[in-house]
């Protein structure tokens, strides 16, 4: 997901003292055999875990899937609510509330058979009517961040059958449903986010805004009982999370590559692979037009990046491995596309570092190297402004490293930091260091289709559009993989660096956590953008030694 339209909130509280006070309230550090444990519940110490997350992971609207819980900026399983289906660690679909599902021959009607033994935590039965209510509430809400724009209607002809009618074929709907929690029609209202009722593995028992959220196993859950019965999440700034780990107050604590060289007794640094990509969009049209983003209208186009040879040269001139090594300290992998490592990603997106070939691209198109070391053509210098969020030290370092590498191939890049309100007006006209990535090929569509909601490069190609539309209409998700790949490169054209080169992808950042010795974390999926709740997707299967 993108960073767009995200509320950035400062850490709530009085620094480390408040953070550790929050831990004391939660009973932090009370796993098996840890010294100094504080027990704040009757749950056995070997069945609890406390994790420190960024303050940005606290859901602004509470734990409401009809707004942004489990979806939007940080995609993850909602834990408190059940979903129709789930994805396993290899991104295969499996049933949760749905025991079976199928799509009509015209690809416009999905039928889900709903299990009859699911109840909400208030004792009321969950039926297909709740599924239909949830979907219709999301599609009718201006605040909802789950993308159900392709849904025309949802109905429940009986208690165990839910029908979802689409306005166009869209098999990526399944990925959305795998993270979309079902809410109770009888108990949904304006305060639901603070007092959620669900049918999932856990229930929310306490939420202290700005400090912590406590989840405990749902005794009415229809599935296997969670091994970890109590999950405490404390929301902290990064330096406070590090201090909490040093003090033994948490079992896991998020961190970044800039702090990964620390050592904490009794903890190991865990690095989880992700599709949390860092990349830079390259506008493909000349300056002089405008594009709308919601209610706002911004300038569009760039007179330098509108030249395909410049975009190809940029891709060839990036030493991605050096960025991974120098900026991320090796905690990441080079990125060539959105979704590297997923089955729909194309190997043809790969672009090896070749500065000589980068210069040859420019010189072959008539650009000449000036005395100032910057290429120019017909009075136009090959000079760009690159924006990055000033609050993100990693992206700042990436932007500066990228600028230094571009200077080596005769492209001038001027890096500018700012808040997101400063960056958004440049989204269609100047390169920005973005963060993206979800466990769905829909990102390929949104970034590359002419009507894509995140098409910041202003790209439009009829052949690519056709591949993307056909991918959405494929008989099943597996059948769509070759079509997504062909949209990137079909041997003649596409968005790949050898083709229209609409983006330059730099790295997939590893999600880093300090983990207390003795805690076993179940095998993770490739984690999406958003360093937080996704690590808890399978917390019910964690254990203490």
Protein backbone atom coordinates (compact mmCIF):
# COMPACT_ATOMS: atom_id res chain seq x y z
CA UNK A 1 0.00 0.00 0.00
CA UNK A 2 1.02 3.56 -0.46
CA UNK A 3 1.88 6.21 2.13
CA UNK A 4 -0.81 8.45 0.70
CA UNK A 5 -3.65 9.68 2.93
CA UNK A 6 -2.09 8.34 6.11
CA UNK A 7 -2.46 10.24 9.36
CA UNK A 8 0.99 10.63 10.89
CA UNK A 9 0.73 10.88 14.65
CA UNK A 10 3.44 11.66 17.14
CA UNK A 11 4.05 9.28 20.00
CA UNK A 12 1.41 9.87 22.66
CA UNK A 13 2.86 10.02 26.13
CA UNK A 14 5.80 11.28 28.09
CA UNK A 15 8.67 9.40 26.49
CA UNK A 16 10.19 6.28 27.93
CA UNK A 17 8.59 6.61 31.36
CA UNK A 18 5.11 6.58 29.86
CA UNK A 19 6.02 3.73 27.56
CA UNK A 20 7.25 1.54 30.41
CA UNK A 21 4.26 2.56 32.50
CA UNK A 22 2.08 1.23 29.72
CA UNK A 23 4.02 -2.01 29.85
CA UNK A 24 3.44 -2.26 33.56
CA UNK A 25 -0.29 -1.90 33.00
CA UNK A 26 -0.22 -4.67 30.44
CA UNK A 27 1.93 -7.08 32.35
CA UNK A 28 4.83 -6.84 29.91
CA UNK A 29 7.65 -9.34 30.03
CA UNK A 30 5.59 -12.16 31.47
CA UNK A 31 6.50 -15.01 29.14
CA UNK A 32 7.94 -18.32 30.25
CA UNK A 33 10.74 -18.11 32.77
CA UNK A 34 11.62 -14.45 32.38
CA UNK A 35 12.99 -12.67 35.40
CA UNK A 36 11.11 -9.67 36.72
CA UNK A 37 7.84 -10.72 35.14
CA UNK A 38 4.75 -8.74 36.01
CA UNK A 39 1.54 -10.74 35.84
CA UNK A 40 -1.60 -8.69 35.16
CA UNK A 41 -3.95 -11.52 34.24
CA UNK A 42 -4.73 -15.12 35.10
CA UNK A 43 -3.40 -16.35 31.76
CA UNK A 44 -0.42 -18.65 32.24
CA UNK A 45 2.88 -16.86 31.61
CA UNK A 46 3.89 -19.34 28.91
CA UNK A 47 0.85 -18.39 26.83
CA UNK A 48 1.38 -14.64 26.65
CA UNK A 49 3.42 -12.32 24.49
CA UNK A 50 4.06 -8.57 24.56
CA UNK A 51 5.20 -6.74 21.45
CA UNK A 52 6.21 -3.12 20.90
CA UNK A 53 4.94 -1.57 17.68
CA UNK A 54 5.23 1.86 16.15
CA UNK A 55 2.72 4.50 17.21
CA UNK A 56 1.63 4.54 13.57
CA UNK A 57 0.27 1.01 14.02
CA UNK A 58 -2.39 2.12 16.46
CA UNK A 59 -5.59 2.22 14.37
CA UNK A 60 -6.98 5.75 14.35
CA UNK A 61 -10.58 4.57 14.03
CA UNK A 62 -10.11 1.64 16.36
CA UNK A 63 -10.48 -2.01 15.48
CA UNK A 64 -13.08 -1.53 12.76
CA UNK A 65 -12.60 -3.42 9.46
CA UNK A 66 -15.16 -1.11 7.85
CA UNK A 67 -12.61 1.70 8.22
CA UNK A 68 -8.97 0.64 8.25
CA UNK A 69 -8.43 -2.26 10.67
CA UNK A 70 -6.67 -5.00 8.69
CA UNK A 71 -6.71 -3.01 5.47
CA UNK A 72 -5.51 0.25 3.94
CA UNK A 73 -1.99 1.34 4.77
CA UNK A 74 -1.07 -1.72 6.85
CA UNK A 75 -2.66 -4.92 5.56
CA UNK A 76 -2.93 -7.81 8.01
CA UNK A 77 -5.32 -10.43 9.37
CA UNK A 78 -7.75 -8.67 11.73
CA UNK A 79 -7.44 -11.24 14.57
CA UNK A 80 -10.56 -9.97 16.39
CA UNK A 81 -12.83 -10.65 13.43
CA UNK A 82 -12.98 -13.71 11.18
CA UNK A 83 -12.53 -13.45 7.44
CA UNK A 84 -14.25 -15.37 4.67
CA UNK A 85 -10.97 -16.89 3.55
CA UNK A 86 -7.31 -16.75 4.56
CA UNK A 87 -3.94 -17.10 2.87
CA UNK A 88 -1.25 -19.41 4.16
CA UNK A 89 2.49 -18.76 4.31
CA UNK A 90 2.78 -19.65 0.60
CA UNK A 91 -0.17 -17.39 -0.34
CA UNK A 92 -2.53 -20.28 -1.06
CA UNK A 93 -6.20 -19.62 -0.26
CA UNK A 94 -8.01 -21.60 2.43
CA UNK A 95 -11.44 -21.30 3.97
CA UNK A 96 -12.18 -19.58 7.26
CA UNK A 97 -15.83 -18.56 7.57
CA UNK A 98 -16.34 -19.83 4.04
CA UNK A 99 -16.42 -23.59 3.60
CA UNK A 100 -16.58 -23.31 -0.19
CA UNK A 101 -16.66 -20.61 -2.85
CA UNK A 102 -17.13 -20.35 -6.60
CA UNK A 103 -17.53 -17.80 -9.35
CA UNK A 104 -20.19 -17.69 -12.07
CA UNK A 105 -19.23 -18.25 -15.74
CA UNK A 106 -19.54 -14.53 -16.48
CA UNK A 107 -17.11 -13.82 -13.55
CA UNK A 108 -19.56 -11.36 -11.99
CA UNK A 109 -21.07 -13.33 -9.11
CA UNK A 110 -19.14 -14.97 -6.30
CA UNK A 111 -20.94 -17.47 -4.07
CA UNK A 112 -19.62 -18.25 -0.58
CA UNK A 113 -20.99 -21.01 1.60
CA UNK A 114 -20.75 -19.92 5.23
CA UNK A 115 -20.05 -22.26 8.15
CA UNK A 116 -22.94 -22.67 10.59
CA UNK A 117 -20.95 -22.94 13.84
CA UNK A 118 -19.49 -19.42 14.07
CA UNK A 119 -20.68 -17.08 16.81
CA UNK A 120 -19.69 -13.56 17.75
CA UNK A 121 -18.10 -12.95 21.12
CA UNK A 122 -21.44 -11.71 22.46
CA UNK A 123 -22.99 -15.12 21.78
CA UNK A 124 -24.98 -14.17 18.68
CA UNK A 125 -24.67 -16.47 15.66
CA UNK A 126 -22.75 -15.22 12.64
CA UNK A 127 -24.69 -15.65 9.39
CA UNK A 128 -24.34 -14.76 5.74
CA UNK A 129 -26.37 -11.62 6.49
CA UNK A 130 -23.44 -10.30 8.53
CA UNK A 131 -21.13 -10.95 5.58
CA UNK A 132 -23.43 -9.01 3.25
CA UNK A 133 -23.80 -6.21 5.80
CA UNK A 134 -20.03 -5.86 6.19
CA UNK A 135 -19.38 -5.70 2.45
CA UNK A 136 -22.18 -3.24 1.78
CA UNK A 137 -21.08 -1.06 4.68
CA UNK A 138 -17.53 -0.89 3.36
CA UNK A 139 -18.53 -0.18 -0.23
CA UNK A 140 -20.90 2.56 0.93
CA UNK A 141 -18.46 4.31 3.23
CA UNK A 142 -16.21 7.22 2.31
CA UNK A 143 -13.86 6.29 5.15
CA UNK A 144 -13.34 2.64 4.25
CA UNK A 145 -9.84 1.75 3.08
CA UNK A 146 -10.55 -1.78 1.85
CA UNK A 147 -10.92 -1.62 -1.92
CA UNK A 148 -14.36 -2.97 -2.82
CA UNK A 149 -14.87 -0.58 -5.71
CA UNK A 150 -15.55 -3.52 -8.02
CA UNK A 151 -18.46 -4.76 -5.87
CA UNK A 152 -21.98 -3.83 -7.00
CA UNK A 153 -23.87 -5.52 -4.16
CA UNK A 154 -23.76 -8.25 -1.54
CA UNK A 155 -26.78 -10.32 -0.50
CA UNK A 156 -27.61 -13.28 1.72
CA UNK A 157 -30.37 -15.49 0.27
CA UNK A 158 -30.12 -17.70 3.37
CA UNK A 159 -28.06 -17.97 6.57
CA UNK A 160 -25.24 -19.94 5.00
CA UNK A 161 -25.01 -18.38 1.51
CA UNK A 162 -23.43 -15.04 0.67
CA UNK A 163 -23.50 -13.65 -2.87
CA UNK A 164 -21.15 -10.91 -4.00
CA UNK A 165 -22.06 -9.28 -7.31
CA UNK A 166 -19.34 -7.42 -9.19
CA UNK A 167 -19.51 -4.59 -11.69
CA UNK A 168 -16.53 -6.09 -13.53
CA UNK A 169 -14.55 -9.33 -13.26
CA UNK A 170 -11.96 -9.11 -10.50
CA UNK A 171 -10.33 -12.23 -9.09
CA UNK A 172 -8.06 -10.13 -6.83
CA UNK A 173 -11.16 -9.63 -4.70
CA UNK A 174 -10.09 -12.82 -2.93
CA UNK A 175 -6.95 -11.13 -1.58
CA UNK A 176 -9.06 -8.33 -0.14
CA UNK A 177 -11.49 -10.78 1.45
CA UNK A 178 -8.59 -12.62 3.09
CA UNK A 179 -7.99 -9.57 5.30
CA UNK A 180 -11.53 -8.18 5.60
CA UNK A 181 -13.00 -8.90 9.02
CA UNK A 182 -16.74 -9.61 9.26
CA UNK A 183 -18.64 -7.41 11.70
CA UNK A 184 -22.01 -8.11 13.38
CA UNK A 185 -24.97 -6.29 11.85
CA UNK A 186 -26.78 -6.35 15.20
CA UNK A 187 -23.93 -4.71 17.12
CA UNK A 188 -22.30 -2.36 14.62
CA UNK A 189 -22.39 1.36 15.34
CA UNK A 190 -20.33 4.52 15.66
CA UNK A 191 -18.44 3.18 18.70
CA UNK A 192 -17.68 -0.23 17.22
CA UNK A 193 -13.98 0.50 16.69
CA UNK A 194 -13.46 1.03 20.41
CA UNK A 195 -15.66 -1.89 21.43
CA UNK A 196 -15.34 -4.47 18.66
CA UNK A 197 -17.36 -7.67 18.68
CA UNK A 198 -16.01 -10.38 16.42
CA UNK A 199 -15.84 -14.10 15.82
CA UNK A 200 -12.08 -14.33 15.43
CA UNK A 201 -9.32 -15.98 17.42
CA UNK A 202 -9.04 -13.08 19.86
CA UNK A 203 -11.19 -10.46 21.51
CA UNK A 204 -10.15 -6.97 22.58
CA UNK A 205 -10.25 -6.74 26.38
CA UNK A 206 -8.54 -3.37 26.87
CA UNK A 207 -7.44 -0.42 24.78
CA UNK A 208 -5.63 2.50 26.34
CA UNK A 209 -5.35 4.99 23.50
CA UNK A 210 -1.81 6.07 22.85
CA UNK A 211 -0.39 3.29 24.99
CA UNK A 212 -1.52 -0.28 24.51
CA UNK A 213 -4.09 -2.78 23.30
CA UNK A 214 -4.68 -6.14 24.98
CA UNK A 215 -6.19 -9.11 23.17
CA UNK A 216 -7.17 -12.41 24.75
CA UNK A 217 -8.27 -15.70 23.23
CA UNK A 218 -11.93 -15.76 22.26
CA UNK A 219 -13.52 -18.66 24.17
CA UNK A 220 -16.33 -18.95 21.60
CA UNK A 221 -13.95 -19.24 18.63
CA UNK A 222 -14.93 -22.15 16.36
CA UNK A 223 -11.38 -23.04 15.38
CA UNK A 224 -8.37 -24.44 17.20
CA UNK A 225 -7.66 -22.73 20.50
CA UNK A 226 -4.73 -20.27 20.25
CA UNK A 227 -1.56 -21.37 21.99
CA UNK A 228 -0.78 -17.74 22.77
CA UNK A 229 -3.83 -16.78 24.80
CA UNK A 230 -2.95 -13.16 25.57
CA UNK A 231 -1.36 -10.62 23.23
CA UNK A 232 -0.30 -7.22 24.50
CA UNK A 233 0.66 -4.56 21.96
CA UNK A 234 2.35 -1.42 23.25
CA UNK A 235 2.64 1.55 20.91
CA UNK A 236 6.04 3.24 21.15
CA UNK A 237 8.45 5.45 19.32
CA UNK A 238 11.43 3.53 17.97
CA UNK A 239 13.92 4.64 20.62
CA UNK A 240 11.42 3.82 23.37
CA UNK A 241 10.89 0.34 21.91
CA UNK A 242 14.64 -0.25 21.99
CA UNK A 243 14.82 0.91 25.61
CA UNK A 244 11.85 -1.32 26.53
CA UNK A 245 13.65 -4.32 25.09
CA UNK A 246 16.84 -3.41 26.95
CA UNK A 247 14.80 -3.22 30.15
CA UNK A 248 13.23 -6.62 29.45
CA UNK A 249 9.77 -5.13 29.38
CA UNK A 250 8.68 -6.58 26.02
CA UNK A 251 9.09 -9.91 24.26
CA UNK A 252 9.42 -8.39 20.80
CA UNK A 253 10.21 -4.85 19.71
CA UNK A 254 10.23 -3.42 16.24
CA UNK A 255 13.35 -1.61 15.08
CA UNK A 256 14.98 -0.32 11.92
CA UNK A 257 18.25 -0.82 10.12
CA UNK A 258 19.65 2.35 11.69
CA UNK A 259 19.49 0.69 15.13
CA UNK A 260 20.20 -2.88 14.10
CA UNK A 261 23.85 -2.73 15.13
CA UNK A 262 22.85 -2.66 18.79
CA UNK A 263 23.16 -5.71 21.03
CA UNK A 264 20.61 -6.62 23.69
CA UNK A 265 21.30 -9.35 26.20
CA UNK A 266 18.68 -12.07 26.07
CA UNK A 267 17.39 -11.01 22.66
CA UNK A 268 18.20 -11.79 19.05
CA UNK A 269 17.57 -9.60 16.02
CA UNK A 270 15.03 -11.24 13.70
CA UNK A 271 14.77 -10.13 10.06
CA UNK A 272 11.59 -11.07 8.21
CA UNK A 273 11.41 -11.01 4.42
CA UNK A 274 8.88 -8.66 2.90
CA UNK A 275 7.32 -7.20 -0.20
CA UNK A 276 7.65 -3.83 1.53
CA UNK A 277 9.19 -2.10 -1.45
CA UNK A 278 10.94 1.25 -1.75
CA UNK A 279 10.70 2.72 -5.20
CA UNK A 280 10.58 5.96 -7.15
CA UNK A 281 7.96 6.79 -9.76
CA UNK A 282 9.16 8.33 -13.04
CA UNK A 283 6.47 10.47 -14.72
CA UNK A 284 6.26 9.46 -18.38
CA UNK A 285 4.48 12.55 -19.74
CA UNK A 286 5.92 16.07 -20.24
CA UNK A 287 5.08 18.85 -17.83
CA UNK A 288 2.09 21.06 -18.49
CA UNK A 289 -0.99 19.07 -17.47
CA UNK A 290 -2.85 18.26 -14.26
CA UNK A 291 -4.15 15.15 -12.53
CA UNK A 292 -6.75 14.75 -9.80
CA UNK A 293 -6.24 12.83 -6.57
CA UNK A 294 -9.51 12.80 -4.71
CA UNK A 295 -10.62 16.39 -4.23
CA UNK A 296 -7.17 17.78 -5.00
CA UNK A 297 -5.67 18.60 -8.40
CA UNK A 298 -1.91 18.66 -8.86
CA UNK A 299 0.54 19.44 -11.69
CA UNK A 300 1.45 16.42 -13.80
CA UNK A 301 4.40 15.51 -15.99
CA UNK A 302 8.13 16.03 -16.01
CA UNK A 303 10.20 17.25 -18.95
CA UNK A 304 13.20 15.10 -18.03
CA UNK A 305 11.65 11.77 -17.03
CA UNK A 306 9.18 11.90 -19.92
CA UNK A 307 12.10 10.70 -22.05
CA UNK A 308 12.23 6.91 -22.00
CA UNK A 309 16.00 6.82 -22.37
CA UNK A 310 16.31 8.78 -19.13
CA UNK A 311 14.07 6.34 -17.31
CA UNK A 312 15.98 3.36 -18.66
CA UNK A 313 19.30 4.98 -17.76
CA UNK A 314 18.12 5.58 -14.21
CA UNK A 315 17.25 1.90 -13.83
CA UNK A 316 20.61 0.82 -15.24
CA UNK A 317 22.54 3.32 -13.13
CA UNK A 318 21.20 2.22 -9.73
CA UNK A 319 23.42 -0.02 -7.66
CA UNK A 320 20.60 -1.61 -5.68
CA UNK A 321 22.87 -3.95 -3.75
CA UNK A 322 24.92 -1.00 -2.53
CA UNK A 323 21.74 0.61 -1.20
CA UNK A 324 20.79 -2.61 0.60
CA UNK A 325 24.29 -2.92 2.05
CA UNK A 326 25.00 0.71 2.90
CA UNK A 327 21.58 2.08 3.82
CA UNK A 328 19.88 -1.02 5.16
CA UNK A 329 22.96 -2.64 6.63
CA UNK A 330 22.18 -5.72 4.56
CA UNK A 331 18.69 -6.07 6.08
CA UNK A 332 16.77 -6.21 2.86
CA UNK A 333 16.84 -7.44 -0.70
CA UNK A 334 17.24 -5.66 -3.99
CA UNK A 335 13.90 -4.90 -5.61
CA UNK A 336 13.09 -4.88 -9.30
CA UNK A 337 9.29 -4.70 -9.16
CA UNK A 338 6.31 -4.35 -6.89
CA UNK A 339 5.82 -7.85 -5.51
CA UNK A 340 9.22 -9.49 -5.96
CA UNK A 341 9.01 -13.09 -4.79
CA UNK A 342 5.28 -13.38 -5.43
CA UNK A 343 4.07 -15.84 -8.10
CA UNK A 344 2.82 -13.04 -10.35
CA UNK A 345 6.17 -11.22 -10.46
CA UNK A 346 8.18 -11.34 -13.70
CA UNK A 347 11.88 -12.13 -13.88
CA UNK A 348 12.00 -9.70 -16.79
CA UNK A 349 11.75 -6.81 -14.34
CA UNK A 350 15.32 -7.54 -13.30
CA UNK A 351 17.78 -4.82 -14.26
CA UNK A 352 21.43 -5.29 -13.40
CA UNK A 353 23.69 -2.41 -12.46
CA UNK A 354 25.45 -1.17 -15.62
CA UNK A 355 26.52 2.49 -15.52
CA UNK A 356 28.19 2.27 -18.94
CA UNK A 357 24.95 1.08 -20.49
CA UNK A 358 23.12 3.86 -18.66
CA UNK A 359 25.34 6.51 -20.25
CA UNK A 360 25.01 4.82 -23.63
CA UNK A 361 21.21 5.12 -23.36
CA UNK A 362 21.50 8.86 -22.90
CA UNK A 363 24.18 9.47 -25.50
CA UNK A 364 22.36 7.34 -28.05
CA UNK A 365 19.38 9.67 -27.69
CA UNK A 366 21.44 12.82 -28.21
CA UNK A 367 22.24 13.82 -24.65
CA UNK A 368 25.73 15.27 -24.23
CA UNK A 369 27.77 15.41 -21.04
CA UNK A 370 28.37 19.01 -19.94
CA UNK A 371 31.37 20.52 -18.17
CA UNK A 372 29.37 20.36 -14.94
CA UNK A 373 29.16 16.59 -15.24
CA UNK A 374 25.44 16.61 -16.10
CA UNK A 375 23.98 15.49 -19.41
CA UNK A 376 21.96 18.01 -21.39
CA UNK A 377 20.09 18.15 -24.69
CA UNK A 378 18.84 21.22 -26.51
CA UNK A 379 19.29 23.36 -23.42
CA UNK A 380 17.56 20.93 -21.06
CA UNK A 381 19.76 19.63 -18.25
CA UNK A 382 19.15 16.08 -17.06
CA UNK A 383 18.28 17.31 -13.59
CA UNK A 384 15.54 16.09 -11.23
CA UNK A 385 14.02 16.96 -7.89
CA UNK A 386 13.46 13.92 -5.66
CA UNK A 387 11.22 14.10 -2.61
CA UNK A 388 11.19 11.90 0.47
CA UNK A 389 9.34 11.96 3.82
CA UNK A 390 11.61 13.80 6.26
CA UNK A 391 10.30 11.68 9.14
CA UNK A 392 11.79 8.51 7.61
CA UNK A 393 15.55 8.36 8.14
CA UNK A 394 15.88 5.25 5.97
CA UNK A 395 14.18 6.84 2.98
CA UNK A 396 16.22 9.99 3.49
CA UNK A 397 19.39 7.92 3.30
CA UNK A 398 18.06 6.07 0.25
CA UNK A 399 17.27 9.33 -1.51
CA UNK A 400 20.75 10.68 -0.86
CA UNK A 401 22.41 7.43 -1.93
CA UNK A 402 20.31 7.41 -5.09
CA UNK A 403 21.32 11.02 -5.82
CA UNK A 404 25.00 10.17 -5.41
CA UNK A 405 24.69 7.17 -7.75
CA UNK A 406 22.86 9.21 -10.39
CA UNK A 407 25.64 11.80 -10.30
CA UNK A 408 28.03 9.06 -11.43
CA UNK A 409 26.07 8.62 -14.66
CA UNK A 410 25.55 12.32 -15.34
CA UNK A 411 22.03 12.76 -13.93
CA UNK A 412 21.61 15.46 -11.31
CA UNK A 413 19.20 14.61 -8.48
CA UNK A 414 18.32 17.18 -5.84
CA UNK A 415 16.82 15.51 -2.77
CA UNK A 416 14.21 17.33 -0.69
CA UNK A 417 12.64 16.20 2.57
CA UNK A 418 9.24 17.28 3.79
CA UNK A 419 5.98 16.27 5.35
CA UNK A 420 3.42 14.35 3.32
CA UNK A 421 1.37 17.50 2.84
CA UNK A 422 4.45 18.92 1.11
CA UNK A 423 5.03 15.78 -0.96
CA UNK A 424 1.54 15.05 -2.30
CA UNK A 425 1.47 18.05 -4.68
CA UNK A 426 4.50 16.52 -6.43
CA UNK A 427 3.11 12.98 -6.80
CA UNK A 428 2.39 13.32 -10.55
CA UNK A 429 5.24 15.66 -11.48
CA UNK A 430 8.37 14.76 -9.54
CA UNK A 431 9.95 11.53 -8.33
CA UNK A 432 9.10 10.59 -4.74
CA UNK A 433 10.66 7.83 -2.63
CA UNK A 434 7.57 5.75 -1.92
CA UNK A 435 6.83 2.72 0.23
CA UNK A 436 4.53 0.09 -1.30
CA UNK A 437 3.73 -3.57 -1.15
CA UNK A 438 0.87 -5.92 -0.41
CA UNK A 439 0.20 -9.63 -0.72
CA UNK A 440 -1.89 -9.06 -3.85
CA UNK A 441 -1.18 -8.43 -7.54
CA UNK A 442 -3.68 -5.57 -7.43
CA UNK A 443 -0.76 -3.23 -6.79
CA UNK A 444 0.51 -3.96 -10.31
CA UNK A 445 -2.86 -2.87 -11.67
CA UNK A 446 -3.17 0.27 -9.56
CA UNK A 447 0.36 1.49 -10.35
CA UNK A 448 0.31 0.68 -14.07
CA UNK A 449 -3.21 0.70 -15.51
CA UNK A 450 -4.28 3.96 -17.14
CA UNK A 451 -7.16 4.12 -14.66
CA UNK A 452 -5.13 2.89 -11.68
CA UNK A 453 -5.66 4.76 -8.45
CA UNK A 454 -1.91 4.93 -7.79
CA UNK A 455 -0.71 5.60 -11.33
CA UNK A 456 1.60 8.41 -10.29
CA UNK A 457 3.82 7.93 -13.34
CA UNK A 458 0.83 9.00 -15.50
CA UNK A 459 1.30 5.91 -17.64
CA UNK A 460 -1.15 4.80 -20.32
CA UNK A 461 -0.62 1.92 -22.73
CA UNK A 462 -3.45 0.02 -24.41
CA UNK A 463 -1.55 -3.28 -24.54
CA UNK A 464 -0.60 -3.12 -20.87
CA UNK A 465 -4.17 -2.17 -19.94
CA UNK A 466 -5.45 -5.18 -21.87
CA UNK A 467 -3.12 -7.57 -20.03
CA UNK A 468 -4.15 -6.13 -16.68
CA UNK A 469 -7.87 -6.27 -17.46
CA UNK A 470 -7.51 -9.83 -18.69
CA UNK A 471 -5.60 -10.77 -15.54
CA UNK A 472 -8.49 -9.59 -13.37
CA UNK A 473 -10.93 -11.59 -15.51
CA UNK A 474 -8.91 -14.83 -15.55
CA UNK A 475 -10.74 -18.00 -14.55
CA UNK A 476 -8.78 -18.18 -11.32
CA UNK A 477 -5.92 -16.44 -9.59
CA UNK A 478 -3.31 -18.94 -10.80
CA UNK A 479 -4.39 -18.42 -14.41
CA UNK A 480 -3.81 -14.68 -13.99
CA UNK A 481 -0.10 -14.94 -13.13
CA UNK A 482 1.23 -15.03 -16.73
CA UNK A 483 -0.93 -12.02 -17.61
CA UNK A 484 0.44 -9.92 -14.77
CA UNK A 485 3.91 -10.89 -15.94
CA UNK A 486 3.17 -9.98 -19.55
CA UNK A 487 2.00 -6.54 -18.49
CA UNK A 488 5.51 -6.04 -17.17
CA UNK A 489 7.24 -7.47 -20.26
CA UNK A 490 5.81 -9.52 -23.12
CA UNK A 491 8.99 -9.63 -25.21
CA UNK A 492 8.17 -6.38 -26.98
CA UNK A 493 7.01 -3.87 -24.41
CA UNK A 494 5.63 -3.28 -20.94
CA UNK A 495 6.52 -1.40 -17.79
CA UNK A 496 9.86 -3.22 -17.28
CA UNK A 497 13.19 -1.32 -17.33
CA UNK A 498 13.79 -2.65 -20.86
CA UNK A 499 10.44 -1.21 -21.88
CA UNK A 500 8.71 1.91 -20.61
CA UNK A 501 10.56 1.89 -17.27
CA UNK A 502 7.80 3.62 -15.33
CA UNK A 503 9.42 3.11 -11.92
CA UNK A 504 12.85 2.48 -10.49
CA UNK A 505 12.63 0.00 -7.63
CA UNK A 506 15.40 0.03 -5.04
CA UNK A 507 14.91 -2.46 -2.21
CA UNK A 508 12.52 -4.57 -0.18
CA UNK A 509 13.24 -3.65 3.41
CA UNK A 510 13.38 -6.42 5.99
CA UNK A 511 11.08 -6.00 8.98
CA UNK A 512 13.33 -6.13 12.01
CA UNK A 513 12.39 -7.13 15.55
CA UNK A 514 14.27 -7.71 18.76
CA UNK A 515 12.94 -11.10 19.93
CA UNK A 516 13.37 -12.48 23.43
CA UNK A 517 15.28 -15.75 23.61
CA UNK A 518 12.94 -18.70 24.05
CA UNK A 519 10.10 -17.28 21.98
CA UNK A 520 9.37 -19.25 18.81
CA UNK A 521 7.62 -17.23 16.09
CA UNK A 522 5.73 -19.27 13.50
CA UNK A 523 6.89 -19.10 9.87
CA UNK A 524 5.90 -15.78 8.35
CA UNK A 525 4.37 -14.88 5.01
CA UNK A 526 6.23 -12.30 2.97
CA UNK A 527 5.19 -9.30 5.02
CA UNK A 528 3.53 -6.37 3.23
CA UNK A 529 4.21 -2.66 3.60
CA UNK A 530 3.74 -1.62 7.19
CA UNK A 531 6.10 -2.77 9.93
CA UNK A 532 3.64 -4.00 12.54
CA UNK A 533 0.47 -6.06 12.87
CA UNK A 534 1.24 -8.43 9.99
CA UNK A 535 3.86 -10.17 12.11
CA UNK A 536 0.98 -11.25 14.39
CA UNK A 537 -1.00 -12.95 11.60
CA UNK A 538 -0.21 -16.34 13.11
CA UNK A 539 0.51 -15.33 16.72
CA UNK A 540 -1.92 -18.05 17.84
CA UNK A 541 0.72 -20.59 16.77
CA UNK A 542 3.69 -19.00 18.54
CA UNK A 543 5.17 -20.72 21.56
CA UNK A 544 7.65 -20.46 24.42
CA UNK A 545 10.40 -22.97 25.00
